[in-house]
Protein backbone atom coordinates (compact mmCIF):
# COMPACT_ATOMS: atom_id res chain seq x y z
CA MET A 1 -10.41 -32.34 15.56
CA GLY A 2 -10.21 -28.87 17.10
CA LEU A 3 -7.01 -26.91 17.52
CA GLY A 4 -7.18 -26.77 21.30
CA GLY A 5 -4.40 -28.74 22.97
CA MET A 6 -2.38 -29.19 19.80
CA GLY A 7 0.55 -27.27 21.30
CA ARG A 8 3.52 -27.23 18.96
CA ARG A 9 1.39 -28.27 16.01
CA ILE A 10 -0.27 -24.85 16.12
CA ASN A 11 3.10 -23.16 15.69
CA GLY A 12 3.79 -25.54 12.82
CA ILE A 13 0.53 -24.55 11.13
CA PHE A 14 1.37 -20.88 11.45
CA VAL A 15 4.88 -21.43 10.06
CA LEU A 16 3.31 -23.25 7.11
CA ILE A 17 1.00 -20.27 6.52
CA LEU A 18 4.01 -17.94 6.58
CA VAL A 19 5.94 -20.09 4.13
CA LEU A 20 3.01 -20.37 1.72
CA GLY A 21 2.39 -16.63 2.01
CA ALA A 22 6.04 -15.93 1.23
CA VAL A 23 6.04 -18.30 -1.75
CA LEU A 24 2.96 -16.62 -3.24
CA ARG A 25 4.54 -13.20 -2.80
CA LEU A 26 7.80 -14.26 -4.46
CA LYS A 27 6.06 -14.49 -7.81
CA GLY A 28 7.61 -11.89 -10.12
CA VAL A 29 10.03 -10.83 -7.40
CA THR A 30 12.75 -10.08 -9.98
CA ASN A 31 10.41 -8.02 -12.20
CA PRO A 32 11.25 -4.34 -12.65
CA TYR A 33 8.80 -1.87 -11.16
CA LEU A 34 6.83 -1.83 -14.40
CA ASP A 35 4.01 -4.25 -13.61
CA ASP A 36 0.62 -3.14 -12.32
CA GLN A 37 0.69 0.22 -10.46
CA SER A 38 4.12 0.87 -11.96
CA TRP A 39 3.69 4.62 -11.55
CA ARG A 40 3.28 4.36 -7.78
CA GLN A 41 6.12 1.88 -7.46
CA ALA A 42 8.48 4.06 -9.50
CA ASP A 43 7.50 7.03 -7.32
CA THR A 44 8.47 5.14 -4.17
CA ALA A 45 11.74 3.93 -5.70
CA SER A 46 12.64 7.37 -7.06
CA MET A 47 12.31 8.79 -3.53
CA ALA A 48 14.90 6.22 -2.45
CA LEU A 49 17.13 7.13 -5.38
CA ASN A 50 17.05 10.80 -4.39
CA MET A 51 18.04 9.87 -0.83
CA LEU A 52 21.34 8.32 -1.90
CA GLY A 53 24.21 10.48 -0.75
CA HIS A 54 21.98 12.20 1.81
CA LEU A 55 21.07 9.35 4.16
CA GLY A 56 22.44 11.18 7.20
CA ASP A 57 20.92 14.58 6.43
CA PHE A 58 18.20 14.70 9.08
CA PRO A 59 15.38 15.64 8.85
CA ASP A 60 15.65 16.75 5.20
CA VAL A 61 16.31 13.23 3.96
CA PHE A 62 12.73 12.34 4.93
CA PHE A 63 11.16 14.99 2.71
CA PRO A 64 9.82 13.03 -0.32
CA MET A 65 11.49 14.00 -3.60
CA LEU A 66 10.38 12.76 -7.03
CA ASN A 67 12.05 12.87 -10.43
CA TYR A 68 9.38 14.60 -12.50
CA ASP A 69 7.87 18.03 -13.12
CA GLY A 70 11.24 19.74 -12.81
CA ALA A 71 14.90 19.75 -13.84
CA GLY A 72 15.85 18.39 -10.41
CA PRO A 73 14.29 16.58 -7.45
CA GLN A 74 10.81 17.91 -6.77
CA PRO A 75 9.39 18.04 -3.21
CA VAL A 76 5.96 16.43 -2.91
CA GLU A 77 3.36 15.95 -0.21
CA LEU A 78 3.35 12.21 0.44
CA GLU A 79 3.42 9.78 3.34
CA PHE A 80 6.52 9.33 5.49
CA PRO A 81 9.13 7.46 3.37
CA PHE A 82 9.79 4.42 5.57
CA LEU A 83 10.29 2.06 2.63
CA PRO A 84 12.34 4.48 0.47
CA TYR A 85 14.75 5.09 3.35
CA LEU A 86 15.25 1.36 3.99
CA LEU A 87 15.61 0.79 0.26
CA ALA A 88 18.17 3.59 -0.10
CA TRP A 89 20.30 2.09 2.68
CA THR A 90 20.03 -1.33 1.05
CA TRP A 91 21.17 0.11 -2.28
CA ALA A 92 24.04 1.92 -0.58
CA LEU A 93 25.24 -1.37 0.93
CA LEU A 94 24.34 -3.92 -1.76
CA GLY A 95 23.93 -2.00 -5.01
CA TRP A 96 20.98 -0.74 -7.04
CA GLN A 97 18.62 -3.63 -7.86
CA ASP A 98 14.85 -3.73 -8.00
CA LEU A 99 14.90 -7.05 -6.15
CA TRP A 100 15.67 -5.39 -2.81
CA GLY A 101 12.54 -3.24 -2.88
CA ARG A 102 10.31 -6.22 -3.53
CA LEU A 103 11.97 -8.21 -0.74
CA TRP A 104 11.35 -5.36 1.70
CA GLY A 105 7.68 -5.34 0.65
CA ILE A 106 7.45 -9.08 1.29
CA CYS A 107 9.10 -8.71 4.70
CA PHE A 108 6.49 -6.15 5.79
CA SER A 109 3.69 -8.31 4.43
CA LEU A 110 4.92 -11.29 6.44
CA LEU A 111 5.13 -9.04 9.51
CA THR A 112 1.47 -8.26 8.88
CA LEU A 113 0.68 -11.98 8.81
CA GLY A 114 2.38 -12.35 12.18
CA GLY A 115 0.42 -9.43 13.58
CA ILE A 116 -2.89 -10.85 12.35
CA TYR A 117 -2.21 -14.16 14.05
CA LYS A 118 -1.08 -12.42 17.24
CA PHE A 119 -4.13 -10.16 17.35
CA GLY A 120 -6.50 -13.03 16.65
CA LYS A 121 -4.87 -15.15 19.36
CA LEU A 122 -5.02 -12.35 21.97
CA ALA A 123 -8.43 -10.86 21.17
CA LEU A 124 -10.42 -13.78 19.70
CA SER A 125 -8.87 -17.23 19.80
CA GLU A 126 -5.85 -19.09 18.49
CA ARG A 127 -7.96 -20.78 15.84
CA ALA A 128 -9.44 -17.46 14.70
CA GLY A 129 -5.93 -16.02 14.41
CA LEU A 130 -4.78 -18.94 12.25
CA TRP A 131 -7.79 -18.66 9.94
CA ALA A 132 -7.36 -14.89 9.62
CA ALA A 133 -3.66 -15.25 8.79
CA ALA A 134 -4.40 -18.00 6.24
CA PHE A 135 -6.92 -15.85 4.39
CA TYR A 136 -4.63 -12.83 4.40
CA ALA A 137 -1.87 -15.02 2.97
CA PHE A 138 -4.04 -16.18 0.04
CA ILE A 139 -6.30 -13.26 -0.81
CA PRO A 140 -5.29 -12.10 -4.33
CA LEU A 141 -5.28 -8.41 -3.39
CA THR A 142 -3.01 -8.80 -0.37
CA THR A 143 -0.82 -11.34 -2.17
CA TYR A 144 -0.03 -9.06 -5.10
CA TYR A 145 0.28 -5.91 -3.00
CA GLY A 146 2.41 -7.80 -0.49
CA ARG A 147 5.35 -7.69 -2.94
CA VAL A 148 5.10 -4.20 -4.38
CA VAL A 149 7.36 -1.22 -3.76
CA MET A 150 4.61 0.93 -2.32
CA PRO A 151 3.71 2.14 1.19
CA GLU A 152 0.82 -0.35 1.50
CA PRO A 153 2.82 -3.29 2.99
CA VAL A 154 4.41 -0.94 5.54
CA ALA A 155 1.08 0.63 6.51
CA GLN A 156 -0.56 -2.78 6.95
CA ALA A 157 2.25 -4.01 9.21
CA PHE A 158 2.23 -0.91 11.43
CA SER A 159 -1.58 -0.94 11.61
CA ILE A 160 -2.09 -4.47 12.87
CA TRP A 161 0.80 -4.29 15.32
CA ALA A 162 -0.52 -0.96 16.64
CA LEU A 163 -3.76 -2.75 17.52
CA VAL A 164 -1.89 -5.69 19.02
CA ALA A 165 0.09 -3.24 21.17
CA ILE A 166 -2.89 -1.29 22.50
CA PHE A 167 -4.79 -4.49 23.30
CA SER A 168 -1.69 -5.89 25.05
CA TRP A 169 -1.45 -2.67 27.04
CA ARG A 170 -5.06 -3.14 28.13
CA ARG A 171 -4.10 -6.48 29.66
CA ASN A 172 -0.91 -5.16 31.23
CA PRO A 173 -1.27 -1.36 31.53
CA THR A 174 2.27 -0.04 31.98
CA TRP A 175 3.48 3.32 30.69
CA ILE A 176 6.16 1.67 28.56
CA ARG A 177 3.53 -0.42 26.78
CA LEU A 178 1.35 2.66 26.26
CA LEU A 179 4.29 4.52 24.74
CA GLY A 180 5.05 1.59 22.45
CA ALA A 181 1.43 1.38 21.33
CA SER A 182 1.44 5.13 20.62
CA ILE A 183 4.61 4.90 18.52
CA LEU A 184 3.17 2.06 16.44
CA MET A 185 -0.04 4.01 15.87
CA SER A 186 2.04 7.02 14.78
CA GLY A 187 3.90 4.74 12.39
CA ALA A 188 0.65 3.48 10.84
CA ILE A 189 -0.64 7.00 10.18
CA LEU A 190 2.74 8.18 8.90
CA ALA A 191 3.03 5.17 6.59
CA LYS A 192 -0.35 5.93 5.01
CA LEU A 193 -2.61 8.80 6.03
CA PRO A 194 -5.92 6.87 5.53
CA GLN A 195 -4.80 4.55 8.34
CA LEU A 196 -6.28 7.18 10.63
CA MET A 197 -9.34 4.97 10.24
CA ILE A 198 -7.90 2.53 12.79
CA PHE A 199 -7.39 5.19 15.49
CA PRO A 200 -11.01 5.03 16.78
CA VAL A 201 -10.72 1.24 16.70
CA ALA A 202 -7.62 1.43 18.90
CA LEU A 203 -9.47 3.67 21.36
CA MET A 204 -12.27 1.12 21.55
CA LEU A 205 -9.90 -1.83 22.02
CA GLY A 206 -7.76 -0.09 24.59
CA PHE A 207 -10.12 2.03 26.66
CA TYR A 208 -13.74 0.84 26.42
CA PRO A 209 -15.67 1.46 28.65
CA PHE A 210 -14.31 4.99 28.68
CA GLN A 211 -15.33 6.03 32.20
CA ARG A 212 -12.41 7.17 34.37
CA ARG A 213 -9.92 6.64 31.55
CA LEU A 214 -9.98 10.12 30.04
CA GLY A 215 -6.44 10.95 31.16
CA LYS A 216 -4.90 7.87 29.55
CA ILE A 217 -6.97 8.40 26.40
CA LEU A 218 -5.62 11.94 26.09
CA VAL A 219 -2.05 10.80 26.66
CA TYR A 220 -2.36 8.02 24.07
CA SER A 221 -4.05 10.36 21.56
CA PHE A 222 -1.42 13.06 22.00
CA LEU A 223 1.50 10.66 21.63
CA SER A 224 -0.10 8.89 18.66
CA LEU A 225 -1.06 11.98 16.66
CA LEU A 226 1.77 14.40 17.44
CA LEU A 227 4.36 13.06 14.98
CA PRO A 228 1.87 12.62 12.10
CA MET A 229 0.58 16.18 12.59
CA LEU A 230 4.11 17.59 12.60
CA TYR A 231 5.22 15.57 9.58
CA TYR A 232 2.17 16.18 7.37
CA SER A 233 2.24 19.89 8.23
CA TRP A 234 5.93 19.99 7.28
CA VAL A 235 5.45 18.38 3.87
CA HIS A 236 2.24 20.33 3.21
CA LEU A 237 4.00 23.65 3.72
CA GLY A 238 7.22 22.59 2.01
CA ALA A 239 5.84 20.94 -1.11
CA GLY A 240 4.14 23.99 -2.57
CA GLU A 241 0.76 24.31 -4.24
CA ALA A 242 1.78 22.37 -7.36
CA SER A 243 2.51 19.16 -5.46
CA GLN A 244 -0.30 18.68 -2.98
CA PHE A 245 -0.71 14.90 -3.26
CA VAL A 246 -2.07 13.90 0.15
CA SER A 247 -4.67 16.57 0.79
CA GLY A 248 -5.36 16.92 -2.93
CA ILE A 249 -6.66 13.38 -3.39
CA LEU A 250 -9.76 13.80 -1.26
CA SER A 251 -10.52 17.36 -2.32
CA HIS A 252 -10.28 16.77 -6.07
CA GLN A 253 -10.93 13.12 -6.91
CA VAL A 254 -13.43 12.38 -4.16
CA MET A 255 -15.16 15.53 -3.05
CA GLU A 256 -15.28 17.26 -6.46
CA GLY A 257 -15.23 14.31 -8.85
CA PRO A 258 -18.72 13.56 -10.23
CA THR A 259 -17.91 10.05 -11.49
CA SER A 260 -18.68 6.90 -9.51
CA TYR A 261 -16.93 3.68 -10.54
CA ALA A 262 -19.50 1.25 -9.17
CA GLU A 263 -18.85 -1.46 -11.79
CA LYS A 264 -15.09 -1.15 -11.40
CA LEU A 265 -15.40 -1.29 -7.62
CA TYR A 266 -17.53 -4.42 -7.85
CA LYS A 267 -14.93 -6.15 -10.03
CA ASN A 268 -12.09 -5.10 -7.72
CA LEU A 269 -13.96 -6.49 -4.72
CA LYS A 270 -14.95 -9.68 -6.52
CA TYR A 271 -11.54 -10.56 -7.91
CA GLY A 272 -9.33 -8.99 -5.25
CA LEU A 273 -11.05 -9.86 -1.98
CA GLY A 274 -13.40 -12.57 -3.14
CA LEU A 275 -15.78 -14.78 -1.17
CA PRO A 276 -14.33 -14.06 2.31
CA ILE A 277 -16.41 -10.87 2.28
CA LEU A 278 -19.47 -13.04 2.89
CA LEU A 279 -17.82 -14.73 5.88
CA ALA A 280 -16.87 -11.32 7.28
CA LEU A 281 -20.52 -10.19 7.06
CA MET A 282 -21.54 -13.40 8.81
CA GLY A 283 -19.04 -12.58 11.54
CA ILE A 284 -20.66 -9.19 12.12
CA ALA A 285 -24.07 -10.83 12.34
CA LEU A 286 -22.79 -13.39 14.86
CA MET A 287 -21.28 -10.66 17.03
CA VAL A 288 -24.49 -8.62 17.01
CA ARG A 289 -26.49 -11.69 18.08
CA LYS A 290 -24.16 -12.15 21.05
CA LYS A 291 -24.97 -8.70 22.47
CA VAL A 292 -21.61 -7.08 21.91
CA LEU A 293 -21.96 -4.03 24.17
CA GLY A 294 -19.90 -5.65 26.89
CA ASN A 295 -17.11 -6.89 24.61
CA GLU A 296 -14.54 -4.30 23.51
CA VAL A 297 -13.10 -6.62 20.83
CA HIS A 298 -16.46 -7.24 19.14
CA LEU A 299 -17.33 -3.56 19.40
CA GLY A 300 -13.95 -2.62 17.96
CA LEU A 301 -14.31 -4.96 14.98
CA ILE A 302 -17.85 -3.77 14.27
CA LEU A 303 -16.70 -0.15 14.51
CA TRP A 304 -13.80 -0.97 12.16
CA SER A 305 -16.26 -2.52 9.72
CA GLY A 306 -18.49 0.55 9.85
CA ILE A 307 -15.58 2.90 9.19
CA SER A 308 -14.46 0.62 6.35
CA GLY A 309 -17.94 0.80 4.83
CA VAL A 310 -17.86 4.60 4.87
CA TYR A 311 -14.35 4.54 3.37
CA LEU A 312 -15.57 2.15 0.66
CA VAL A 313 -18.40 4.46 -0.40
CA VAL A 314 -16.64 7.80 0.01
CA VAL A 315 -13.21 6.93 -1.39
CA CYS A 316 -13.15 3.60 -3.23
CA LEU A 317 -16.29 4.37 -5.22
CA LYS A 318 -14.61 7.51 -6.58
CA ILE A 319 -11.10 6.18 -7.25
CA PRO A 320 -10.95 3.12 -9.54
CA LEU A 321 -7.64 1.78 -8.21
CA ASP A 322 -7.83 -1.56 -6.43
CA TYR A 323 -5.03 -0.87 -3.95
CA TYR A 324 -7.35 1.58 -2.19
CA LEU A 325 -9.21 -1.53 -1.00
CA ILE A 326 -6.21 -2.84 0.94
CA PRO A 327 -7.23 -1.17 4.26
CA LEU A 328 -10.40 -3.31 4.16
CA ALA A 329 -8.41 -6.55 4.20
CA LEU A 330 -7.42 -6.48 7.89
CA PRO A 331 -10.91 -6.23 9.45
CA MET A 332 -12.27 -8.59 6.81
CA VAL A 333 -9.85 -11.44 7.53
CA LEU A 334 -10.23 -11.02 11.30
CA LEU A 335 -14.01 -11.27 10.98
CA THR A 336 -13.58 -14.26 8.66
CA GLY A 337 -11.40 -15.93 11.28
CA TYR A 338 -14.01 -15.22 13.95
CA THR A 339 -16.78 -16.70 11.78
CA LEU A 340 -14.93 -19.94 11.10
CA ASP A 341 -13.84 -20.21 14.73
CA THR A 342 -17.42 -19.74 15.99
CA TRP A 343 -18.83 -22.06 13.36
CA GLY A 344 -16.18 -24.62 14.19
CA GLY A 345 -17.50 -25.07 17.71
CA ASP A 346 -15.41 -26.30 20.60
CA SER A 347 -12.22 -28.31 20.75
CA GLU A 348 -13.98 -31.67 20.97
CA GLY A 349 -14.23 -32.34 17.26
CA ASN A 350 -16.91 -29.94 16.04
CA GLY A 351 -14.61 -27.97 13.77
CA ILE A 352 -14.77 -30.16 10.66
CA PRO A 353 -17.52 -28.24 8.77
CA ALA A 354 -15.71 -24.93 9.28
CA PHE A 355 -12.41 -26.51 8.26
CA VAL A 356 -13.92 -27.83 5.03
CA VAL A 357 -15.52 -24.50 4.13
CA GLY A 358 -12.41 -22.51 5.06
CA ALA A 359 -10.04 -24.80 3.16
CA LEU A 360 -12.34 -24.71 0.11
CA LEU A 361 -12.42 -20.90 0.15
CA VAL A 362 -8.65 -20.64 0.53
CA GLY A 363 -8.32 -22.94 -2.49
CA LEU A 364 -10.76 -20.81 -4.47
CA LEU A 365 -8.75 -17.70 -3.61
CA TRP A 366 -5.67 -19.33 -5.09
CA VAL A 367 -7.60 -20.25 -8.26
CA ASN A 368 -9.01 -16.71 -8.41
CA GLN A 369 -5.49 -15.38 -8.29
CA ILE A 370 -4.40 -17.54 -11.21
CA LEU A 371 -7.45 -16.71 -13.34
CA TYR A 372 -7.78 -12.97 -12.79
CA TYR A 373 -4.52 -11.61 -11.40
CA GLU A 374 -1.98 -12.89 -13.94
CA SER A 375 -2.17 -9.67 -15.95
CA LYS A 376 -0.97 -7.67 -12.96
CA TYR A 377 2.48 -9.24 -13.24
CA GLN A 378 2.97 -8.28 -16.90
CA TRP A 379 5.12 -5.33 -17.95
CA ASP A 380 6.22 -3.54 -21.13
CA GLU A 381 9.80 -4.33 -22.12
CA ARG A 382 9.92 -1.23 -24.35
CA LEU A 383 9.91 1.12 -21.36
CA LEU A 384 12.95 -0.55 -19.81
CA THR A 385 14.90 -0.79 -23.08
CA GLN A 386 14.27 2.86 -23.82
CA ALA A 387 15.27 3.99 -20.33
CA GLN A 388 18.46 1.93 -20.40
CA TRP A 389 19.45 3.50 -23.73
CA ILE A 390 18.90 6.98 -22.31
CA ARG A 391 20.97 6.18 -19.25
CA GLN A 392 23.86 4.87 -21.34
CA HIS A 393 23.88 7.38 -24.22
CA THR A 394 22.82 10.75 -22.78
CA GLU A 395 24.54 13.14 -20.41
CA GLU A 396 23.94 12.56 -16.69
CA ASN A 397 22.57 16.08 -16.25
CA SER A 398 20.31 15.93 -19.31
CA VAL A 399 16.66 16.80 -18.79
CA LEU A 400 13.94 14.68 -20.39
CA ILE A 401 10.46 15.57 -21.55
CA LEU A 402 8.10 12.60 -21.61
CA SER A 403 5.32 12.46 -24.20
CA GLY A 404 2.85 11.20 -21.58
CA SER A 405 2.12 11.28 -17.88
CA GLN A 406 3.69 8.00 -16.74
CA PRO A 407 7.06 8.84 -15.12
CA MET A 408 8.72 5.40 -14.86
CA THR A 409 11.24 6.25 -17.61
CA LEU A 410 12.72 8.97 -15.42
CA TYR A 411 13.40 6.51 -12.61
CA TYR A 412 15.01 3.85 -14.81
CA SER A 413 17.09 6.33 -16.78
CA GLN A 414 18.06 8.11 -13.53
CA ARG A 415 17.17 11.46 -15.06
CA TYR A 416 14.91 14.35 -14.13
CA GLY A 417 12.34 15.87 -16.39
CA TYR A 418 8.87 16.98 -17.33
CA ARG A 419 5.72 15.32 -18.64
CA LEU A 420 3.34 16.40 -21.43
CA ILE A 421 -0.06 15.78 -19.88
CA ARG A 422 -2.39 18.01 -21.94
CA ASP A 423 -3.93 17.35 -25.38
CA ASP A 424 -1.74 17.10 -28.49
CA LEU A 425 -2.00 20.75 -29.54
CA ARG A 426 -1.23 22.09 -26.08
CA ALA A 427 1.47 19.45 -25.61
CA TRP A 428 3.24 20.78 -28.70
CA LEU A 429 3.08 24.31 -27.30
CA ASP A 430 4.31 23.12 -23.91
CA LEU A 431 7.21 21.37 -25.60
CA GLN A 432 8.41 24.69 -26.97
CA GLU A 433 8.49 26.19 -23.47
CA LEU A 434 9.91 23.43 -21.28
CA PRO A 435 13.69 23.40 -20.72
CA GLY A 436 14.39 19.84 -21.88
CA ASP A 437 17.23 18.22 -23.81
CA TYR A 438 15.38 15.17 -25.16
CA LEU A 439 11.80 14.25 -25.93
CA VAL A 440 10.97 10.64 -25.05
CA ALA A 441 8.16 8.96 -26.98
CA LEU A 442 6.42 6.72 -24.47
CA PRO A 443 4.73 3.64 -25.97
CA ASP A 444 1.14 4.20 -27.11
CA SER A 445 1.11 7.91 -26.33
CA ARG A 446 -0.07 10.82 -28.51
CA GLY A 447 -1.69 10.83 -31.92
CA GLU A 448 -0.25 10.33 -35.41
CA ASP A 449 -0.33 14.04 -36.32
CA PHE A 450 1.65 14.94 -33.21
CA TRP A 451 4.43 12.52 -34.12
CA LYS A 452 4.53 13.69 -37.71
CA ARG A 453 5.13 17.19 -36.44
CA ILE A 454 7.85 15.93 -34.06
CA GLU A 455 9.62 13.96 -36.80
CA SER A 456 9.65 16.95 -39.10
CA ALA A 457 11.14 19.22 -36.44
CA TYR A 458 13.56 17.03 -34.45
CA THR A 459 16.12 14.29 -34.99
CA GLN A 460 15.53 10.84 -33.53
CA VAL A 461 18.76 9.77 -31.82
CA GLY A 462 17.59 6.63 -29.98
CA PRO A 463 14.59 4.29 -29.56
CA GLY A 464 11.83 6.89 -29.42
CA VAL A 465 14.27 9.55 -28.19
CA TYR A 466 14.40 12.92 -29.99
CA GLN A 467 17.07 15.56 -29.42
CA ILE A 468 15.32 18.89 -29.01
CA LYS A 469 17.57 21.32 -27.16
CA ASP A 470 19.96 22.24 -29.98
CA GLN A 471 17.20 22.38 -32.57
CA GLN A 472 14.65 24.64 -30.92
């Protein structure tokens, strides 16, 4: 039986999707920020930690500050700290617990689910929106990264609602709606700079065909891009050459990096996004067959897919981190929803084959998550034990030097410090120059000769903690 005419049952189906999506994202919700992508999560949380006591200091409170590479907070060039600011306020009101950051991530992920359903309902069909939301709820990549303390959940939520807003404006073109759509687009780009990829899609959805709409396009573009340009210019100039994170990623890792991680990318796509990719490709083929030039929604989704393909080759092939694939999830699930809706036929009972295939794939996604994504939830207890000892037994203003590059210890010990990131010989020389009080031996870092030299020169005062200041 088709979904047409089901009335309240449709709302019930969507609520069920939301509940199941929330349940999947609650897995490991009480874990510290030491599971997969712990570095990025600790970065986000440390920005929130550095905001405490300064929550009303506008605009300086929004300049991202991290705990490493200095004896105090270090300014860095990162995306606008929406999540850190919310997290800092939550800590100020309810106390410092990692749980709150994960719950905020889940809230934004569920907002994304709502936006997917809303967009599908407005631009495609109610059934397409339900299918798209269901796949987003179960895809392993979006499930895991829907409960992390990273900007990805925020960027996804802003992005889909920005497209909902501009498409709603198209149907009811008031200036208030255009302003709202512009603000949401600004939020998407501020939350994550690569979300600029959806800006051309928004232009297609809102203004195609473009004749006689140049004025409104310019207004929307100006309002959408003004705040991101001001913010990213501010952090670029204020962070300094040593901390160019946003513009540095593309110039160094992508444009200059000779390595391509084709095998790694294939595995990330296979295990993280899974079989729905095939349905998304089928959706593109179906749209092309229907002569899409007169349909702004089909054109927008095809354009989005093309931009995603370029992003996949230019960025994801060069950076072997699976969370860079997250921007691909939105167009993929919408195209998957369109495919199953089109395949399902009309509302007179022709939807059974599509329902069977869709339900089977959703089930396989859940199995895929169990088989291949369990390791993402694991974390090393030694890091937390060590950081807690430092926090309890060292001076609050003590400066740490970490034996490796991973900075999570600084966040959990609530200390500032430096990292030894060069080879063992140069790390020893750097250690003599850096103004630190304690050297922290991170698990599985450095070679045996390095530690023999450390043990002969310094006293171990805690679990992998060496006092170095008074002995240099």
